[in-house]
Amino acid sequence: MAKRMSMTLSYPHENASELAGVNQLYRVERVKNSTGYKPLELLPKSVVDDLCRHSGWDVSIEPVKQ
């Protein structure tokens, strides 16, 4: 049986470059059983939506700690 991948994200993070109109991003805090993403990487909502739909991923989202 394949290991399940998991990721913890924090939200929201401002996108200083305003790429493609995306102004709030999710930041990768922790990843388990994958090298496809790295801690502190910023992801747009479309990528997070795909990960949430993918049956191989468990995705948790936490508010940004202030």
PDB file of N, CA and C in Angstrom:
ATOM      1  N   MET A   1       0.842  -1.188   0.000  1.00  0.00           N
ATOM      2  CA  MET A   1       0.000   0.000   0.000  1.00  0.00           C
ATOM      3  C   MET A   1       0.888   1.252   0.000  1.00  0.00           C
ATOM      4  N   ALA A   2       0.567   2.218  -0.835  1.00  0.00           N
ATOM      5  CA  ALA A   2       1.339   3.445  -0.932  1.00  0.00           C
ATOM      6  C   ALA A   2       1.100   4.324   0.294  1.00  0.00           C
ATOM      7  N   LYS A   3       2.146   5.034   0.695  1.00  0.00           N
ATOM      8  CA  LYS A   3       2.002   5.966   1.806  1.00  0.00           C
ATOM      9  C   LYS A   3       1.146   7.147   1.371  1.00  0.00           C
ATOM     10  N   ARG A   4       0.356   7.622   2.281  1.00  0.00           N
ATOM     11  CA  ARG A   4      -0.496   8.784   2.013  1.00  0.00           C
ATOM     12  C   ARG A   4       0.322  10.061   2.206  1.00  0.00           C
ATOM     13  N   MET A   5       0.148  11.007   1.321  1.00  0.00           N
ATOM     14  CA  MET A   5       0.848  12.286   1.409  1.00  0.00           C
ATOM     15  C   MET A   5      -0.013  13.272   2.187  1.00  0.00           C
ATOM     16  N   SER A   6       0.645  14.150   2.942  1.00  0.00           N
ATOM     17  CA  SER A   6      -0.104  15.169   3.680  1.00  0.00           C
ATOM     18  C   SER A   6       0.655  16.485   3.636  1.00  0.00           C
ATOM     19  N   MET A   7      -0.127  17.554   3.786  1.00  0.00           N
ATOM     20  CA  MET A   7       0.428  18.888   3.722  1.00  0.00           C
ATOM     21  C   MET A   7      -0.351  19.790   4.666  1.00  0.00           C
ATOM     22  N   THR A   8       0.367  20.643   5.385  1.00  0.00           N
ATOM     23  CA  THR A   8      -0.251  21.677   6.198  1.00  0.00           C
ATOM     24  C   THR A   8       0.099  23.015   5.564  1.00  0.00           C
ATOM     25  N   LEU A   9      -0.928  23.827   5.343  1.00  0.00           N
ATOM     26  CA  LEU A   9      -0.773  25.142   4.729  1.00  0.00           C
ATOM     27  C   LEU A   9      -1.217  26.212   5.702  1.00  0.00           C
ATOM     28  N   SER A  10      -0.677  27.421   5.546  1.00  0.00           N
ATOM     29  CA  SER A  10      -1.200  28.571   6.289  1.00  0.00           C
ATOM     30  C   SER A  10      -1.757  29.562   5.274  1.00  0.00           C
ATOM     31  N   TYR A  11      -2.760  30.318   5.718  1.00  0.00           N
ATOM     32  CA  TYR A  11      -3.473  31.238   4.828  1.00  0.00           C
ATOM     33  C   TYR A  11      -4.023  32.394   5.647  1.00  0.00           C
ATOM     34  N   PRO A  12      -4.050  33.606   5.124  1.00  0.00           N
ATOM     35  CA  PRO A  12      -3.624  34.091   3.812  1.00  0.00           C
ATOM     36  C   PRO A  12      -2.236  34.732   3.862  1.00  0.00           C
ATOM     37  N   HIS A  13      -1.566  34.709   2.747  1.00  0.00           N
ATOM     38  CA  HIS A  13      -0.284  35.387   2.560  1.00  0.00           C
ATOM     39  C   HIS A  13      -0.434  36.298   1.358  1.00  0.00           C
ATOM     40  N   GLU A  14       0.020  37.516   1.496  1.00  0.00           N
ATOM     41  CA  GLU A  14      -0.098  38.493   0.411  1.00  0.00           C
ATOM     42  C   GLU A  14       0.912  38.191  -0.690  1.00  0.00           C
ATOM     43  N   ASN A  15       0.479  38.371  -1.920  1.00  0.00           N
ATOM     44  CA  ASN A  15       1.335  38.188  -3.079  1.00  0.00           C
ATOM     45  C   ASN A  15       1.841  39.558  -3.506  1.00  0.00           C
ATOM     46  N   ALA A  16       3.086  39.851  -3.205  1.00  0.00           N
ATOM     47  CA  ALA A  16       3.650  41.173  -3.496  1.00  0.00           C
ATOM     48  C   ALA A  16       3.699  41.461  -4.990  1.00  0.00           C
ATOM     49  N   SER A  17       3.852  40.431  -5.800  1.00  0.00           N
ATOM     50  CA  SER A  17       3.983  40.659  -7.242  1.00  0.00           C
ATOM     51  C   SER A  17       2.637  40.699  -7.953  1.00  0.00           C
ATOM     52  N   GLU A  18       1.553  40.340  -7.257  1.00  0.00           N
ATOM     53  CA  GLU A  18       0.210  40.336  -7.861  1.00  0.00           C
ATOM     54  C   GLU A  18       0.183  39.566  -9.183  1.00  0.00           C
ATOM     55  N   LEU A  19       0.883  38.450  -9.238  1.00  0.00           N
ATOM     56  CA  LEU A  19       0.923  37.629 -10.449  1.00  0.00           C
ATOM     57  C   LEU A  19      -0.460  37.159 -10.859  1.00  0.00           C
ATOM     58  N   ALA A  20      -0.805  37.387 -12.074  1.00  0.00           N
ATOM     59  CA  ALA A  20      -2.061  36.912 -12.663  1.00  0.00           C
ATOM     60  C   ALA A  20      -3.275  37.273 -11.816  1.00  0.00           C
ATOM     61  N   GLY A  21      -3.213  38.396 -11.118  1.00  0.00           N
ATOM     62  CA  GLY A  21      -4.356  38.832 -10.331  1.00  0.00           C
ATOM     63  C   GLY A  21      -4.559  38.078  -9.024  1.00  0.00           C
ATOM     64  N   VAL A  22      -3.639  37.175  -8.696  1.00  0.00           N
ATOM     65  CA  VAL A  22      -3.748  36.413  -7.452  1.00  0.00           C
ATOM     66  C   VAL A  22      -3.188  37.272  -6.332  1.00  0.00           C
ATOM     67  N   ASN A  23      -4.018  37.624  -5.355  1.00  0.00           N
ATOM     68  CA  ASN A  23      -3.522  38.495  -4.296  1.00  0.00           C
ATOM     69  C   ASN A  23      -3.374  37.817  -2.944  1.00  0.00           C
ATOM     70  N   GLN A  24      -3.892  36.621  -2.782  1.00  0.00           N
ATOM     71  CA  GLN A  24      -3.692  35.890  -1.533  1.00  0.00           C
ATOM     72  C   GLN A  24      -3.291  34.463  -1.853  1.00  0.00           C
ATOM     73  N   LEU A  25      -2.257  34.013  -1.155  1.00  0.00           N
ATOM     74  CA  LEU A  25      -1.684  32.699  -1.415  1.00  0.00           C
ATOM     75  C   LEU A  25      -1.671  31.850  -0.153  1.00  0.00           C
ATOM     76  N   TYR A  26      -1.484  30.557  -0.341  1.00  0.00           N
ATOM     77  CA  TYR A  26      -1.331  29.586   0.734  1.00  0.00           C
ATOM     78  C   TYR A  26       0.155  29.259   0.835  1.00  0.00           C
ATOM     79  N   ARG A  27       0.675  29.187   2.073  1.00  0.00           N
ATOM     80  CA  ARG A  27       2.089  28.859   2.262  1.00  0.00           C
ATOM     81  C   ARG A  27       2.224  27.450   2.824  1.00  0.00           C
ATOM     82  N   VAL A  28       3.081  26.665   2.226  1.00  0.00           N
ATOM     83  CA  VAL A  28       3.356  25.306   2.693  1.00  0.00           C
ATOM     84  C   VAL A  28       4.132  25.400   4.004  1.00  0.00           C
ATOM     85  N   GLU A  29       3.592  24.799   5.046  1.00  0.00           N
ATOM     86  CA  GLU A  29       4.259  24.767   6.349  1.00  0.00           C
ATOM     87  C   GLU A  29       4.933  23.417   6.591  1.00  0.00           C
ATOM     88  N   ARG A  30       4.228  22.326   6.280  1.00  0.00           N
ATOM     89  CA  ARG A  30       4.760  20.975   6.469  1.00  0.00           C
ATOM     90  C   ARG A  30       4.285  20.076   5.337  1.00  0.00           C
ATOM     91  N   VAL A  31       5.153  19.150   4.932  1.00  0.00           N
ATOM     92  CA  VAL A  31       4.806  18.171   3.906  1.00  0.00           C
ATOM     93  C   VAL A  31       5.277  16.805   4.400  1.00  0.00           C
ATOM     94  N   LYS A  32       4.471  15.785   4.167  1.00  0.00           N
ATOM     95  CA  LYS A  32       4.828  14.429   4.573  1.00  0.00           C
ATOM     96  C   LYS A  32       4.667  13.492   3.386  1.00  0.00           C
ATOM     97  N   ASN A  33       5.680  12.679   3.144  1.00  0.00           N
ATOM     98  CA  ASN A  33       5.694  11.652   2.105  1.00  0.00           C
ATOM     99  C   ASN A  33       5.637  12.204   0.685  1.00  0.00           C
ATOM    100  N   SER A  34       6.256  13.354   0.463  1.00  0.00           N
ATOM    101  CA  SER A  34       6.330  13.932  -0.877  1.00  0.00           C
ATOM    102  C   SER A  34       7.515  14.891  -0.963  1.00  0.00           C
ATOM    103  N   THR A  35       8.124  14.937  -2.132  1.00  0.00           N
ATOM    104  CA  THR A  35       9.167  15.931  -2.394  1.00  0.00           C
ATOM    105  C   THR A  35       8.695  16.919  -3.458  1.00  0.00           C
ATOM    106  N   GLY A  36       7.431  16.863  -3.819  1.00  0.00           N
ATOM    107  CA  GLY A  36       6.881  17.731  -4.845  1.00  0.00           C
ATOM    108  C   GLY A  36       6.666  19.169  -4.404  1.00  0.00           C
ATOM    109  N   TYR A  37       6.631  19.398  -3.106  1.00  0.00           N
ATOM    110  CA  TYR A  37       6.429  20.735  -2.553  1.00  0.00           C
ATOM    111  C   TYR A  37       7.423  20.926  -1.426  1.00  0.00           C
ATOM    112  N   LYS A  38       7.791  22.187  -1.173  1.00  0.00           N
ATOM    113  CA  LYS A  38       8.772  22.442  -0.117  1.00  0.00           C
ATOM    114  C   LYS A  38       8.217  23.464   0.885  1.00  0.00           C
ATOM    115  N   PRO A  39       8.654  23.367   2.149  1.00  0.00           N
ATOM    116  CA  PRO A  39       8.211  24.334   3.142  1.00  0.00           C
ATOM    117  C   PRO A  39       8.523  25.760   2.704  1.00  0.00           C
ATOM    118  N   LEU A  40       7.599  26.653   3.012  1.00  0.00           N
ATOM    119  CA  LEU A  40       7.633  28.087   2.707  1.00  0.00           C
ATOM    120  C   LEU A  40       7.281  28.411   1.256  1.00  0.00           C
ATOM    121  N   GLU A  41       7.023  27.393   0.443  1.00  0.00           N
ATOM    122  CA  GLU A  41       6.580  27.631  -0.942  1.00  0.00           C
ATOM    123  C   GLU A  41       5.171  28.221  -0.907  1.00  0.00           C
ATOM    124  N   LEU A  42       4.909  29.198  -1.771  1.00  0.00           N
ATOM    125  CA  LEU A  42       3.599  29.818  -1.856  1.00  0.00           C
ATOM    126  C   LEU A  42       2.809  29.210  -3.010  1.00  0.00           C
ATOM    127  N   LEU A  43       1.550  28.864  -2.745  1.00  0.00           N
ATOM    128  CA  LEU A  43       0.698  28.218  -3.744  1.00  0.00           C
ATOM    129  C   LEU A  43      -0.575  29.031  -3.969  1.00  0.00           C
ATOM    130  N   PRO A  44      -1.016  29.134  -5.225  1.00  0.00           N
ATOM    131  CA  PRO A  44      -2.296  29.795  -5.490  1.00  0.00           C
ATOM    132  C   PRO A  44      -3.457  28.864  -5.138  1.00  0.00           C
ATOM    133  N   LYS A  45      -4.633  29.419  -5.012  1.00  0.00           N
ATOM    134  CA  LYS A  45      -5.835  28.658  -4.654  1.00  0.00           C
ATOM    135  C   LYS A  45      -6.105  27.519  -5.634  1.00  0.00           C
ATOM    136  N   SER A  46      -5.845  27.724  -6.912  1.00  0.00           N
ATOM    137  CA  SER A  46      -6.119  26.672  -7.906  1.00  0.00           C
ATOM    138  C   SER A  46      -5.304  25.408  -7.630  1.00  0.00           C
ATOM    139  N   VAL A  47      -4.053  25.555  -7.209  1.00  0.00           N
ATOM    140  CA  VAL A  47      -3.215  24.386  -6.888  1.00  0.00           C
ATOM    141  C   VAL A  47      -3.732  23.716  -5.622  1.00  0.00           C
ATOM    142  N   VAL A  48      -4.095  24.501  -4.619  1.00  0.00           N
ATOM    143  CA  VAL A  48      -4.619  23.943  -3.367  1.00  0.00           C
ATOM    144  C   VAL A  48      -5.933  23.207  -3.631  1.00  0.00           C
ATOM    145  N   ASP A  49      -6.793  23.765  -4.468  1.00  0.00           N
ATOM    146  CA  ASP A  49      -8.047  23.087  -4.827  1.00  0.00           C
ATOM    147  C   ASP A  49      -7.764  21.732  -5.463  1.00  0.00           C
ATOM    148  N   ASP A  50      -6.792  21.663  -6.363  1.00  0.00           N
ATOM    149  CA  ASP A  50      -6.432  20.387  -7.004  1.00  0.00           C
ATOM    150  C   ASP A  50      -5.930  19.377  -5.976  1.00  0.00           C
ATOM    151  N   LEU A  51      -5.092  19.826  -5.048  1.00  0.00           N
ATOM    152  CA  LEU A  51      -4.581  18.930  -4.000  1.00  0.00           C
ATOM    153  C   LEU A  51      -5.718  18.410  -3.128  1.00  0.00           C
ATOM    154  N   CYS A  52      -6.660  19.277  -2.796  1.00  0.00           N
ATOM    155  CA  CYS A  52      -7.801  18.862  -1.965  1.00  0.00           C
ATOM    156  C   CYS A  52      -8.669  17.825  -2.679  1.00  0.00           C
ATOM    157  N   ARG A  53      -8.779  17.935  -3.985  1.00  0.00           N
ATOM    158  CA  ARG A  53      -9.591  16.983  -4.761  1.00  0.00           C
ATOM    159  C   ARG A  53      -8.871  15.656  -4.981  1.00  0.00           C
ATOM    160  N   HIS A  54      -7.556  15.672  -4.949  1.00  0.00           N
ATOM    161  CA  HIS A  54      -6.763  14.473  -5.228  1.00  0.00           C
ATOM    162  C   HIS A  54      -6.883  13.503  -4.057  1.00  0.00           C
ATOM    163  N   SER A  55      -7.213  12.260  -4.352  1.00  0.00           N
ATOM    164  CA  SER A  55      -7.452  11.282  -3.290  1.00  0.00           C
ATOM    165  C   SER A  55      -6.179  10.883  -2.539  1.00  0.00           C
ATOM    166  N   GLY A  56      -5.000  11.196  -3.067  1.00  0.00           N
ATOM    167  CA  GLY A  56      -3.760  10.815  -2.403  1.00  0.00           C
ATOM    168  C   GLY A  56      -3.254  11.816  -1.390  1.00  0.00           C
ATOM    169  N   TRP A  57      -3.919  12.962  -1.279  1.00  0.00           N
ATOM    170  CA  TRP A  57      -3.444  14.026  -0.401  1.00  0.00           C
ATOM    171  C   TRP A  57      -4.420  14.320   0.732  1.00  0.00           C
ATOM    172  N   ASP A  58      -3.874  14.525   1.929  1.00  0.00           N
ATOM    173  CA  ASP A  58      -4.611  15.091   3.063  1.00  0.00           C
ATOM    174  C   ASP A  58      -4.083  16.513   3.225  1.00  0.00           C
ATOM    175  N   VAL A  59      -4.959  17.500   3.115  1.00  0.00           N
ATOM    176  CA  VAL A  59      -4.554  18.901   3.175  1.00  0.00           C
ATOM    177  C   VAL A  59      -5.230  19.568   4.369  1.00  0.00           C
ATOM    178  N   SER A  60      -4.423  20.225   5.196  1.00  0.00           N
ATOM    179  CA  SER A  60      -4.935  21.000   6.339  1.00  0.00           C
ATOM    180  C   SER A  60      -4.550  22.452   6.124  1.00  0.00           C
ATOM    181  N   ILE A  61      -5.464  23.356   6.465  1.00  0.00           N
ATOM    182  CA  ILE A  61      -5.209  24.779   6.306  1.00  0.00           C
ATOM    183  C   ILE A  61      -5.414  25.457   7.647  1.00  0.00           C
ATOM    184  N   GLU A  62      -4.397  26.221   8.064  1.00  0.00           N
ATOM    185  CA  GLU A  62      -4.431  26.939   9.334  1.00  0.00           C
ATOM    186  C   GLU A  62      -4.349  28.427   9.090  1.00  0.00           C
ATOM    187  N   PRO A  63      -4.891  29.248   9.978  1.00  0.00           N
ATOM    188  CA  PRO A  63      -4.720  30.698   9.813  1.00  0.00           C
ATOM    189  C   PRO A  63      -3.263  31.071  10.059  1.00  0.00           C
ATOM    190  N   VAL A  64      -2.848  32.165   9.453  1.00  0.00           N
ATOM    191  CA  VAL A  64      -1.502  32.683   9.668  1.00  0.00           C
ATOM    192  C   VAL A  64      -1.364  33.060  11.137  1.00  0.00           C
ATOM    193  N   LYS A  65      -0.268  32.633  11.752  1.00  0.00           N
ATOM    194  CA  LYS A  65      -0.021  32.977  13.157  1.00  0.00           C
ATOM    195  C   LYS A  65       0.537  34.396  13.208  1.00  0.00           C
ATOM    196  N   GLN A  66      -0.070  35.202  14.040  1.00  0.00           N
ATOM    197  CA  GLN A  66       0.370  36.607  14.136  1.00  0.00           C
ATOM    198  C   GLN A  66       1.059  36.892  15.421  1.00  0.00           C
TER     199      GLN A  66
END
